[in-house]
PDB file of N, CA and C in Angstrom:
ATOM      1  N   UNK A   1       0.570  -1.231  -0.277  1.00  0.00           N
ATOM      2  CA  UNK A   1       0.070  -0.019  -0.194  1.00  0.00           C
ATOM      3  C   UNK A   1       0.680   1.325  -0.031  1.00  0.00           C
ATOM      4  N   UNK A   2       0.182   2.375  -0.188  1.00  0.00           N
ATOM      5  CA  UNK A   2       1.090   3.715  -0.447  1.00  0.00           C
ATOM      6  C   UNK A   2       2.027   4.086   0.876  1.00  0.00           C
ATOM      7  N   UNK A   3       1.284   3.609   2.177  1.00  0.00           N
ATOM      8  CA  UNK A   3       1.457   3.847   3.481  1.00  0.00           C
ATOM      9  C   UNK A   3       3.115   3.174   3.609  1.00  0.00           C
ATOM     10  N   UNK A   4       3.217   1.977   3.195  1.00  0.00           N
ATOM     11  CA  UNK A   4       3.752   0.891   2.970  1.00  0.00           C
ATOM     12  C   UNK A   4       5.630   1.583   2.121  1.00  0.00           C
ATOM     13  N   UNK A   5       5.001   2.343   0.930  1.00  0.00           N
ATOM     14  CA  UNK A   5       5.693   2.514  -0.344  1.00  0.00           C
ATOM     15  C   UNK A   5       6.600   3.895   0.766  1.00  0.00           C
ATOM     16  N   UNK A   6       6.134   4.649   0.604  1.00  0.00           N
ATOM     17  CA  UNK A   6       6.477   5.960   1.631  1.00  0.00           C
ATOM     18  C   UNK A   6       7.087   5.505   2.386  1.00  0.00           C
ATOM     19  N   UNK A   7       6.981   4.880   3.585  1.00  0.00           N
ATOM     20  CA  UNK A   7       7.893   4.742   4.449  1.00  0.00           C
ATOM     21  C   UNK A   7       9.369   3.884   4.076  1.00  0.00           C
ATOM     22  N   UNK A   8       9.163   2.944   2.804  1.00  0.00           N
ATOM     23  CA  UNK A   8      10.398   2.553   2.445  1.00  0.00           C
ATOM     24  C   UNK A   8      11.466   3.783   1.804  1.00  0.00           C
ATOM     25  N   UNK A   9      10.274   4.425   0.791  1.00  0.00           N
ATOM     26  CA  UNK A   9      11.329   5.890   0.407  1.00  0.00           C
ATOM     27  C   UNK A   9      11.924   6.368   1.497  1.00  0.00           C
ATOM     28  N   UNK A  10      11.473   6.758   2.567  1.00  0.00           N
ATOM     29  CA  UNK A  10      11.841   7.403   3.797  1.00  0.00           C
ATOM     30  C   UNK A  10      13.287   7.224   4.225  1.00  0.00           C
ATOM     31  N   UNK A  11      13.283   5.443   4.031  1.00  0.00           N
ATOM     32  CA  UNK A  11      14.397   4.857   4.659  1.00  0.00           C
ATOM     33  C   UNK A  11      15.359   5.070   3.976  1.00  0.00           C
ATOM     34  N   UNK A  12      15.176   5.579   2.194  1.00  0.00           N
ATOM     35  CA  UNK A  12      16.480   5.574   1.515  1.00  0.00           C
ATOM     36  C   UNK A  12      17.096   6.906   0.834  1.00  0.00           C
ATOM     37  N   UNK A  13      15.842   7.694   1.259  1.00  0.00           N
ATOM     38  CA  UNK A  13      15.799   9.101   1.206  1.00  0.00           C
ATOM     39  C   UNK A  13      16.512   9.977   2.249  1.00  0.00           C
ATOM     40  N   UNK A  14      17.437  10.739   2.603  1.00  0.00           N
ATOM     41  CA  UNK A  14      18.097  11.350   3.530  1.00  0.00           C
ATOM     42  C   UNK A  14      18.372  12.969   3.110  1.00  0.00           C
ATOM     43  N   UNK A  15      16.821  13.569   3.920  1.00  0.00           N
ATOM     44  CA  UNK A  15      16.730  15.090   3.246  1.00  0.00           C
ATOM     45  C   UNK A  15      18.718  15.731   3.994  1.00  0.00           C
ATOM     46  N   UNK A  16      18.195  16.790   3.432  1.00  0.00           N
ATOM     47  CA  UNK A  16      19.594  17.521   4.169  1.00  0.00           C
ATOM     48  C   UNK A  16      18.854  18.153   5.366  1.00  0.00           C
ATOM     49  N   UNK A  17      19.911  18.520   6.349  1.00  0.00           N
ATOM     50  CA  UNK A  17      19.330  19.588   7.562  1.00  0.00           C
ATOM     51  C   UNK A  17      18.911  20.208   7.134  1.00  0.00           C
ATOM     52  N   UNK A  18      17.676  20.450   8.293  1.00  0.00           N
ATOM     53  CA  UNK A  18      16.274  21.694   7.358  1.00  0.00           C
ATOM     54  C   UNK A  18      15.386  21.600   6.262  1.00  0.00           C
ATOM     55  N   UNK A  19      15.687  20.227   5.685  1.00  0.00           N
ATOM     56  CA  UNK A  19      15.016  19.970   4.339  1.00  0.00           C
ATOM     57  C   UNK A  19      14.187  19.504   4.903  1.00  0.00           C
ATOM     58  N   UNK A  20      12.815  18.936   4.181  1.00  0.00           N
ATOM     59  CA  UNK A  20      11.912  18.290   4.066  1.00  0.00           C
ATOM     60  C   UNK A  20      11.514  17.272   2.868  1.00  0.00           C
ATOM     61  N   UNK A  21      11.221  16.404   3.274  1.00  0.00           N
ATOM     62  CA  UNK A  21      10.666  15.237   1.984  1.00  0.00           C
ATOM     63  C   UNK A  21       9.472  16.248   1.162  1.00  0.00           C
ATOM     64  N   UNK A  22       8.999  15.803   0.156  1.00  0.00           N
ATOM     65  CA  UNK A  22       7.998  16.406  -0.498  1.00  0.00           C
ATOM     66  C   UNK A  22       7.964  15.577  -1.917  1.00  0.00           C
ATOM     67  N   UNK A  23       6.500  15.889  -2.216  1.00  0.00           N
ATOM     68  CA  UNK A  23       6.218  15.156  -3.398  1.00  0.00           C
ATOM     69  C   UNK A  23       5.808  15.898  -4.110  1.00  0.00           C
ATOM     70  N   UNK A  24       6.072  15.698  -5.700  1.00  0.00           N
ATOM     71  CA  UNK A  24       6.171  17.136  -6.777  1.00  0.00           C
ATOM     72  C   UNK A  24       4.761  15.813  -7.989  1.00  0.00           C
ATOM     73  N   UNK A  25       4.133  16.087  -8.476  1.00  0.00           N
ATOM     74  CA  UNK A  25       3.478  15.450  -9.146  1.00  0.00           C
ATOM     75  C   UNK A  25       3.320  16.300 -10.424  1.00  0.00           C
ATOM     76  N   UNK A  26       3.707  15.632 -11.600  1.00  0.00           N
ATOM     77  CA  UNK A  26       3.870  16.838 -12.841  1.00  0.00           C
ATOM     78  C   UNK A  26       2.360  16.339 -13.949  1.00  0.00           C
ATOM     79  N   UNK A  27       2.001  17.218 -14.168  1.00  0.00           N
ATOM     80  CA  UNK A  27       0.865  16.897 -15.549  1.00  0.00           C
ATOM     81  C   UNK A  27       1.175  17.492 -16.554  1.00  0.00           C
ATOM     82  N   UNK A  28       1.540  17.241 -17.785  1.00  0.00           N
ATOM     83  CA  UNK A  28       1.767  17.608 -18.876  1.00  0.00           C
ATOM     84  C   UNK A  28       0.715  17.504 -19.724  1.00  0.00           C
ATOM     85  N   UNK A  29      -0.185  18.758 -20.298  1.00  0.00           N
ATOM     86  CA  UNK A  29      -1.262  18.222 -21.567  1.00  0.00           C
ATOM     87  C   UNK A  29      -1.182  19.440 -22.068  1.00  0.00           C
ATOM     88  N   UNK A  30      -1.715  19.463 -23.548  1.00  0.00           N
ATOM     89  CA  UNK A  30      -1.885  20.598 -24.112  1.00  0.00           C
ATOM     90  C   UNK A  30      -1.103  21.547 -24.256  1.00  0.00           C
ATOM     91  N   UNK A  31       0.498  21.066 -24.733  1.00  0.00           N
ATOM     92  CA  UNK A  31       1.451  22.030 -24.236  1.00  0.00           C
ATOM     93  C   UNK A  31       1.716  22.374 -23.115  1.00  0.00           C
ATOM     94  N   UNK A  32       1.105  21.917 -21.946  1.00  0.00           N
ATOM     95  CA  UNK A  32       1.334  22.733 -20.765  1.00  0.00           C
ATOM     96  C   UNK A  32       1.967  21.809 -19.648  1.00  0.00           C
ATOM     97  N   UNK A  33       2.869  22.329 -18.463  1.00  0.00           N
ATOM     98  CA  UNK A  33       3.666  21.422 -17.760  1.00  0.00           C
ATOM     99  C   UNK A  33       3.068  22.129 -16.625  1.00  0.00           C
ATOM    100  N   UNK A  34       2.025  21.144 -15.709  1.00  0.00           N
ATOM    101  CA  UNK A  34       1.596  21.915 -14.076  1.00  0.00           C
ATOM    102  C   UNK A  34       2.692  20.899 -13.145  1.00  0.00           C
ATOM    103  N   UNK A  35       3.185  21.401 -12.405  1.00  0.00           N
ATOM    104  CA  UNK A  35       3.102  20.841 -10.802  1.00  0.00           C
ATOM    105  C   UNK A  35       2.647  21.035  -9.875  1.00  0.00           C
ATOM    106  N   UNK A  36       2.660  20.100  -9.406  1.00  0.00           N
ATOM    107  CA  UNK A  36       1.259  20.105  -7.980  1.00  0.00           C
ATOM    108  C   UNK A  36       1.933  19.325  -6.994  1.00  0.00           C
ATOM    109  N   UNK A  37       2.467  20.113  -5.718  1.00  0.00           N
ATOM    110  CA  UNK A  37       2.966  19.424  -5.043  1.00  0.00           C
ATOM    111  C   UNK A  37       2.425  20.008  -3.443  1.00  0.00           C
ATOM    112  N   UNK A  38       2.626  19.971  -2.191  1.00  0.00           N
ATOM    113  CA  UNK A  38       2.572  18.143  -1.831  1.00  0.00           C
ATOM    114  C   UNK A  38       1.345  17.921  -2.068  1.00  0.00           C
ATOM    115  N   UNK A  39       1.050  16.458  -2.517  1.00  0.00           N
ATOM    116  CA  UNK A  39      -0.115  15.824  -2.358  1.00  0.00           C
ATOM    117  C   UNK A  39      -0.325  14.553  -2.227  1.00  0.00           C
ATOM    118  N   UNK A  40       1.109  14.113  -1.916  1.00  0.00           N
ATOM    119  CA  UNK A  40       1.042  13.094  -1.703  1.00  0.00           C
ATOM    120  C   UNK A  40       2.210  12.778  -0.689  1.00  0.00           C
ATOM    121  N   UNK A  41       2.776  13.408   0.590  1.00  0.00           N
ATOM    122  CA  UNK A  41       3.748  13.334   1.412  1.00  0.00           C
ATOM    123  C   UNK A  41       3.348  13.625   2.795  1.00  0.00           C
ATOM    124  N   UNK A  42       3.207  15.162   2.606  1.00  0.00           N
ATOM    125  CA  UNK A  42       3.057  16.008   3.770  1.00  0.00           C
ATOM    126  C   UNK A  42       1.508  16.078   4.155  1.00  0.00           C
ATOM    127  N   UNK A  43       0.776  15.679   4.942  1.00  0.00           N
ATOM    128  CA  UNK A  43      -0.597  15.141   4.503  1.00  0.00           C
ATOM    129  C   UNK A  43      -1.204  16.608   5.118  1.00  0.00           C
ATOM    130  N   UNK A  44      -0.575  17.288   6.362  1.00  0.00           N
ATOM    131  CA  UNK A  44      -1.372  18.559   7.094  1.00  0.00           C
ATOM    132  C   UNK A  44      -0.011  19.409   7.290  1.00  0.00           C
ATOM    133  N   UNK A  45       0.570  20.358   6.016  1.00  0.00           N
ATOM    134  CA  UNK A  45       1.808  20.776   6.458  1.00  0.00           C
ATOM    135  C   UNK A  45       1.517  21.952   7.114  1.00  0.00           C
ATOM    136  N   UNK A  46       2.335  22.893   7.804  1.00  0.00           N
ATOM    137  CA  UNK A  46       2.133  24.044   8.559  1.00  0.00           C
ATOM    138  C   UNK A  46       2.400  25.069   7.573  1.00  0.00           C
ATOM    139  N   UNK A  47       2.020  26.389   8.097  1.00  0.00           N
ATOM    140  CA  UNK A  47       2.070  27.831   6.825  1.00  0.00           C
ATOM    141  C   UNK A  47       3.809  27.785   6.553  1.00  0.00           C
ATOM    142  N   UNK A  48       4.748  27.398   7.629  1.00  0.00           N
ATOM    143  CA  UNK A  48       6.034  27.588   6.560  1.00  0.00           C
ATOM    144  C   UNK A  48       6.792  26.355   5.817  1.00  0.00           C
ATOM    145  N   UNK A  49       6.020  25.338   6.773  1.00  0.00           N
ATOM    146  CA  UNK A  49       6.392  24.031   5.850  1.00  0.00           C
ATOM    147  C   UNK A  49       5.636  24.524   4.146  1.00  0.00           C
ATOM    148  N   UNK A  50       4.526  25.311   3.994  1.00  0.00           N
ATOM    149  CA  UNK A  50       4.174  24.597   2.775  1.00  0.00           C
ATOM    150  C   UNK A  50       4.790  26.329   2.027  1.00  0.00           C
ATOM    151  N   UNK A  51       4.682  26.869   2.715  1.00  0.00           N
ATOM    152  CA  UNK A  51       5.756  28.333   2.220  1.00  0.00           C
ATOM    153  C   UNK A  51       7.172  27.581   1.569  1.00  0.00           C
ATOM    154  N   UNK A  52       7.908  26.963   2.265  1.00  0.00           N
ATOM    155  CA  UNK A  52       8.888  26.026   1.938  1.00  0.00           C
ATOM    156  C   UNK A  52       8.519  24.778   0.383  1.00  0.00           C
ATOM    157  N   UNK A  53       7.417  24.369   0.896  1.00  0.00           N
ATOM    158  CA  UNK A  53       7.549  23.281  -0.418  1.00  0.00           C
ATOM    159  C   UNK A  53       7.008  24.245  -1.709  1.00  0.00           C
ATOM    160  N   UNK A  54       6.327  25.359  -1.319  1.00  0.00           N
ATOM    161  CA  UNK A  54       6.427  26.010  -2.792  1.00  0.00           C
ATOM    162  C   UNK A  54       7.689  26.746  -3.244  1.00  0.00           C
ATOM    163  N   UNK A  55       8.341  26.984  -2.436  1.00  0.00           N
ATOM    164  CA  UNK A  55      10.038  27.376  -2.778  1.00  0.00           C
ATOM    165  C   UNK A  55      10.729  26.495  -3.354  1.00  0.00           C
ATOM    166  N   UNK A  56      10.757  24.987  -2.972  1.00  0.00           N
ATOM    167  CA  UNK A  56      11.279  24.438  -3.503  1.00  0.00           C
ATOM    168  C   UNK A  56      11.099  23.494  -4.957  1.00  0.00           C
ATOM    169  N   UNK A  57       9.208  23.758  -4.901  1.00  0.00           N
ATOM    170  CA  UNK A  57       8.517  23.217  -6.228  1.00  0.00           C
ATOM    171  C   UNK A  57       9.020  24.411  -7.509  1.00  0.00           C
ATOM    172  N   UNK A  58       9.223  25.433  -7.076  1.00  0.00           N
ATOM    173  CA  UNK A  58       9.511  26.295  -7.825  1.00  0.00           C
ATOM    174  C   UNK A  58      10.656  26.603  -8.179  1.00  0.00           C
ATOM    175  N   UNK A  59      12.268  26.106  -7.268  1.00  0.00           N
ATOM    176  CA  UNK A  59      13.044  25.782  -7.623  1.00  0.00           C
ATOM    177  C   UNK A  59      13.004  24.631  -8.780  1.00  0.00           C
ATOM    178  N   UNK A  60      12.481  23.569  -8.250  1.00  0.00           N
ATOM    179  CA  UNK A  60      12.528  22.542  -9.314  1.00  0.00           C
ATOM    180  C   UNK A  60      11.841  22.388 -10.965  1.00  0.00           C
ATOM    181  N   UNK A  61      11.038  23.171 -10.511  1.00  0.00           N
ATOM    182  CA  UNK A  61      10.510  23.450 -11.798  1.00  0.00           C
ATOM    183  C   UNK A  61      11.063  24.610 -12.988  1.00  0.00           C
ATOM    184  N   UNK A  62      11.891  25.675 -12.103  1.00  0.00           N
ATOM    185  CA  UNK A  62      13.024  26.166 -12.627  1.00  0.00           C
ATOM    186  C   UNK A  62      13.976  25.625 -13.328  1.00  0.00           C
ATOM    187  N   UNK A  63      14.522  24.610 -12.609  1.00  0.00           N
ATOM    188  CA  UNK A  63      15.653  23.681 -13.123  1.00  0.00           C
ATOM    189  C   UNK A  63      15.151  23.079 -14.233  1.00  0.00           C
ATOM    190  N   UNK A  64      14.009  22.895 -14.603  1.00  0.00           N
ATOM    191  CA  UNK A  64      13.389  22.065 -15.530  1.00  0.00           C
ATOM    192  C   UNK A  64      13.097  22.820 -16.339  1.00  0.00           C
ATOM    193  N   UNK A  65      13.351  24.079 -16.637  1.00  0.00           N
ATOM    194  CA  UNK A  65      13.253  25.129 -17.999  1.00  0.00           C
ATOM    195  C   UNK A  65      11.827  25.793 -17.645  1.00  0.00           C
ATOM    196  N   UNK A  66      11.502  25.632 -16.588  1.00  0.00           N
ATOM    197  CA  UNK A  66       9.882  26.625 -16.455  1.00  0.00           C
ATOM    198  C   UNK A  66       9.849  27.757 -15.687  1.00  0.00           C
ATOM    199  N   UNK A  67       9.442  28.872 -15.890  1.00  0.00           N
ATOM    200  CA  UNK A  67       8.943  30.007 -15.677  1.00  0.00           C
ATOM    201  C   UNK A  67       7.914  29.502 -14.171  1.00  0.00           C
ATOM    202  N   UNK A  68       8.316  29.213 -13.024  1.00  0.00           N
ATOM    203  CA  UNK A  68       7.109  28.900 -11.782  1.00  0.00           C
ATOM    204  C   UNK A  68       5.939  30.345 -11.490  1.00  0.00           C
ATOM    205  N   UNK A  69       5.480  29.753 -11.719  1.00  0.00           N
ATOM    206  CA  UNK A  69       3.940  30.594 -10.855  1.00  0.00           C
ATOM    207  C   UNK A  69       3.467  29.529 -10.130  1.00  0.00           C
ATOM    208  N   UNK A  70       3.388  30.236  -8.881  1.00  0.00           N
ATOM    209  CA  UNK A  70       2.873  29.148  -7.978  1.00  0.00           C
ATOM    210  C   UNK A  70       1.526  30.036  -7.494  1.00  0.00           C
ATOM    211  N   UNK A  71       0.336  28.532  -6.956  1.00  0.00           N
ATOM    212  CA  UNK A  71      -1.166  28.974  -6.376  1.00  0.00           C
ATOM    213  C   UNK A  71      -1.122  28.120  -5.436  1.00  0.00           C
ATOM    214  N   UNK A  72      -1.453  28.830  -4.230  1.00  0.00           N
ATOM    215  CA  UNK A  72      -1.658  27.935  -2.928  1.00  0.00           C
ATOM    216  C   UNK A  72      -2.974  27.903  -2.531  1.00  0.00           C
ATOM    217  N   UNK A  73      -3.407  26.373  -2.479  1.00  0.00           N
ATOM    218  CA  UNK A  73      -4.435  26.168  -2.631  1.00  0.00           C
ATOM    219  C   UNK A  73      -5.539  25.499  -1.221  1.00  0.00           C
ATOM    220  N   UNK A  74      -6.763  26.278  -1.260  1.00  0.00           N
ATOM    221  CA  UNK A  74      -6.883  25.560   0.270  1.00  0.00           C
ATOM    222  C   UNK A  74      -8.609  25.225  -0.385  1.00  0.00           C
ATOM    223  N   UNK A  75      -9.689  24.668   0.346  1.00  0.00           N
ATOM    224  CA  UNK A  75     -11.121  24.345  -0.256  1.00  0.00           C
ATOM    225  C   UNK A  75     -11.926  25.316  -0.225  1.00  0.00           C
ATOM    226  N   UNK A  76     -11.195  26.839   0.256  1.00  0.00           N
ATOM    227  CA  UNK A  76     -12.257  28.051   0.747  1.00  0.00           C
ATOM    228  C   UNK A  76     -12.161  28.452  -0.488  1.00  0.00           C
ATOM    229  N   UNK A  77     -13.369  29.605  -0.686  1.00  0.00           N
ATOM    230  CA  UNK A  77     -13.127  30.144  -1.625  1.00  0.00           C
ATOM    231  C   UNK A  77     -13.214  31.787  -1.001  1.00  0.00           C
ATOM    232  N   UNK A  78     -11.933  32.830  -1.383  1.00  0.00           N
ATOM    233  CA  UNK A  78     -12.175  33.529  -1.300  1.00  0.00           C
ATOM    234  C   UNK A  78     -12.362  33.894   0.759  1.00  0.00           C
ATOM    235  N   UNK A  79     -11.846  32.592   1.275  1.00  0.00           N
ATOM    236  CA  UNK A  79     -11.658  33.331   2.709  1.00  0.00           C
ATOM    237  C   UNK A  79     -13.245  32.513   3.256  1.00  0.00           C
ATOM    238  N   UNK A  80     -13.538  31.971   2.571  1.00  0.00           N
ATOM    239  CA  UNK A  80     -15.160  31.016   3.213  1.00  0.00           C
ATOM    240  C   UNK A  80     -15.163  29.891   2.909  1.00  0.00           C
ATOM    241  N   UNK A  81     -15.710  29.053   3.796  1.00  0.00           N
ATOM    242  CA  UNK A  81     -15.482  29.022   5.016  1.00  0.00           C
ATOM    243  C   UNK A  81     -14.146  29.174   5.532  1.00  0.00           C
ATOM    244  N   UNK A  82     -14.101  30.049   6.768  1.00  0.00           N
ATOM    245  CA  UNK A  82     -12.923  30.332   7.225  1.00  0.00           C
ATOM    246  C   UNK A  82     -12.498  28.782   7.946  1.00  0.00           C
ATOM    247  N   UNK A  83     -11.225  28.160   8.083  1.00  0.00           N
ATOM    248  CA  UNK A  83     -10.819  27.038   8.929  1.00  0.00           C
ATOM    249  C   UNK A  83      -9.743  27.216   9.046  1.00  0.00           C
ATOM    250  N   UNK A  84      -8.714  26.081   9.829  1.00  0.00           N
ATOM    251  CA  UNK A  84      -7.803  26.007   9.973  1.00  0.00           C
ATOM    252  C   UNK A  84      -6.555  25.760   8.499  1.00  0.00           C
ATOM    253  N   UNK A  85      -7.435  24.671   7.559  1.00  0.00           N
ATOM    254  CA  UNK A  85      -6.568  24.918   6.236  1.00  0.00           C
ATOM    255  C   UNK A  85      -6.160  26.046   5.717  1.00  0.00           C
ATOM    256  N   UNK A  86      -7.521  26.834   5.419  1.00  0.00           N
ATOM    257  CA  UNK A  86      -7.290  27.878   4.763  1.00  0.00           C
ATOM    258  C   UNK A  86      -6.492  28.931   5.498  1.00  0.00           C
ATOM    259  N   UNK A  87      -6.177  28.892   7.096  1.00  0.00           N
ATOM    260  CA  UNK A  87      -5.659  29.994   7.463  1.00  0.00           C
ATOM    261  C   UNK A  87      -4.365  29.352   7.313  1.00  0.00           C
ATOM    262  N   UNK A  88      -3.296  28.441   7.446  1.00  0.00           N
ATOM    263  CA  UNK A  88      -2.402  27.770   6.644  1.00  0.00           C
ATOM    264  C   UNK A  88      -1.964  28.955   5.553  1.00  0.00           C
ATOM    265  N   UNK A  89      -2.861  28.118   4.451  1.00  0.00           N
ATOM    266  CA  UNK A  89      -2.564  28.961   3.061  1.00  0.00           C
ATOM    267  C   UNK A  89      -2.420  30.542   3.236  1.00  0.00           C
ATOM    268  N   UNK A  90      -3.257  31.133   3.959  1.00  0.00           N
ATOM    269  CA  UNK A  90      -2.608  32.626   4.114  1.00  0.00           C
ATOM    270  C   UNK A  90      -1.768  32.734   5.063  1.00  0.00           C
ATOM    271  N   UNK A  91      -1.420  32.288   6.164  1.00  0.00           N
ATOM    272  CA  UNK A  91       0.138  32.420   6.782  1.00  0.00           C
ATOM    273  C   UNK A  91       1.386  31.908   6.172  1.00  0.00           C
ATOM    274  N   UNK A  92       1.168  31.195   4.682  1.00  0.00           N
ATOM    275  CA  UNK A  92       2.144  30.276   3.704  1.00  0.00           C
ATOM    276  C   UNK A  92       2.526  31.915   3.081  1.00  0.00           C
ATOM    277  N   UNK A  93       1.281  32.553   2.669  1.00  0.00           N
ATOM    278  CA  UNK A  93       1.350  33.376   1.756  1.00  0.00           C
ATOM    279  C   UNK A  93       2.483  35.019   2.568  1.00  0.00           C
ATOM    280  N   UNK A  94       2.013  35.156   3.476  1.00  0.00           N
ATOM    281  CA  UNK A  94       2.512  36.069   4.073  1.00  0.00           C
ATOM    282  C   UNK A  94       4.165  35.679   5.068  1.00  0.00           C
ATOM    283  N   UNK A  95       4.037  34.037   5.014  1.00  0.00           N
ATOM    284  CA  UNK A  95       5.924  34.114   4.969  1.00  0.00           C
ATOM    285  C   UNK A  95       6.704  34.261   3.741  1.00  0.00           C
ATOM    286  N   UNK A  96       5.802  33.480   2.150  1.00  0.00           N
ATOM    287  CA  UNK A  96       6.659  33.963   1.207  1.00  0.00           C
ATOM    288  C   UNK A  96       6.594  35.978   0.665  1.00  0.00           C
ATOM    289  N   UNK A  97       5.867  36.479   1.700  1.00  0.00           N
ATOM    290  CA  UNK A  97       6.134  38.074   1.794  1.00  0.00           C
ATOM    291  C   UNK A  97       7.223  38.437   2.055  1.00  0.00           C
ATOM    292  N   UNK A  98       7.455  37.576   3.104  1.00  0.00           N
ATOM    293  CA  UNK A  98       8.581  38.197   3.966  1.00  0.00           C
ATOM    294  C   UNK A  98       9.868  37.747   3.490  1.00  0.00           C
ATOM    295  N   UNK A  99       9.910  36.892   2.391  1.00  0.00           N
ATOM    296  CA  UNK A  99      10.995  36.162   1.917  1.00  0.00           C
ATOM    297  C   UNK A  99      11.631  36.454   0.646  1.00  0.00           C
ATOM    298  N   UNK A 100      10.904  37.798   0.203  1.00  0.00           N
ATOM    299  CA  UNK A 100      11.250  38.389  -1.118  1.00  0.00           C
ATOM    300  C   UNK A 100      11.706  36.824  -2.179  1.00  0.00           C
ATOM    301  N   UNK A 101      11.011  35.472  -2.540  1.00  0.00           N
ATOM    302  CA  UNK A 101      10.896  34.906  -3.467  1.00  0.00           C
ATOM    303  C   UNK A 101      11.494  35.345  -4.668  1.00  0.00           C
ATOM    304  N   UNK A 102      11.647  35.122  -5.903  1.00  0.00           N
ATOM    305  CA  UNK A 102      11.936  35.436  -7.021  1.00  0.00           C
ATOM    306  C   UNK A 102      11.058  34.467  -8.405  1.00  0.00           C
ATOM    307  N   UNK A 103       9.689  34.239  -7.329  1.00  0.00           N
ATOM    308  CA  UNK A 103       8.570  33.902  -8.358  1.00  0.00           C
ATOM    309  C   UNK A 103       7.544  34.647  -8.005  1.00  0.00           C
ATOM    310  N   UNK A 104       6.132  34.227  -9.027  1.00  0.00           N
ATOM    311  CA  UNK A 104       5.299  34.737  -8.795  1.00  0.00           C
ATOM    312  C   UNK A 104       4.604  33.872  -8.298  1.00  0.00           C
ATOM    313  N   UNK A 105       3.508  34.197  -7.117  1.00  0.00           N
ATOM    314  CA  UNK A 105       2.859  33.243  -6.209  1.00  0.00           C
ATOM    315  C   UNK A 105       1.741  34.295  -6.053  1.00  0.00           C
ATOM    316  N   UNK A 106       0.489  33.414  -5.820  1.00  0.00           N
ATOM    317  CA  UNK A 106      -0.927  33.516  -5.148  1.00  0.00           C
ATOM    318  C   UNK A 106      -1.389  32.954  -3.944  1.00  0.00           C
ATOM    319  N   UNK A 107      -2.666  32.963  -3.326  1.00  0.00           N
ATOM    320  CA  UNK A 107      -3.250  32.185  -2.520  1.00  0.00           C
ATOM    321  C   UNK A 107      -4.572  32.730  -1.824  1.00  0.00           C
ATOM    322  N   UNK A 108      -4.703  32.322  -0.937  1.00  0.00           N
ATOM    323  CA  UNK A 108      -5.985  32.620  -0.069  1.00  0.00           C
ATOM    324  C   UNK A 108      -5.993  34.173   0.098  1.00  0.00           C
TER     325      UNK A 108
END
């Protein structure tokens, strides 16, 4: 099953100090490439982790020759309904604001 497979991956991949393991799914269709992260490894990342995931995914996209544009998504629409998950996304955007990253991003 997926959990056992992921546990085995975690045994052989040793992230650098301060780094986290994250999953990125690539979708290539109609001449576009989309990077979705992290939908498979980190179940409920905190705001700082979301910001880190966005940065790492943007770096990967750039290394593969793409100009990263990041959308941080939650289940809410324009802040409704309010909830912890949506708040994490808003906080991740605030964190990115303070980091002066070199890619376009938007969120809640």
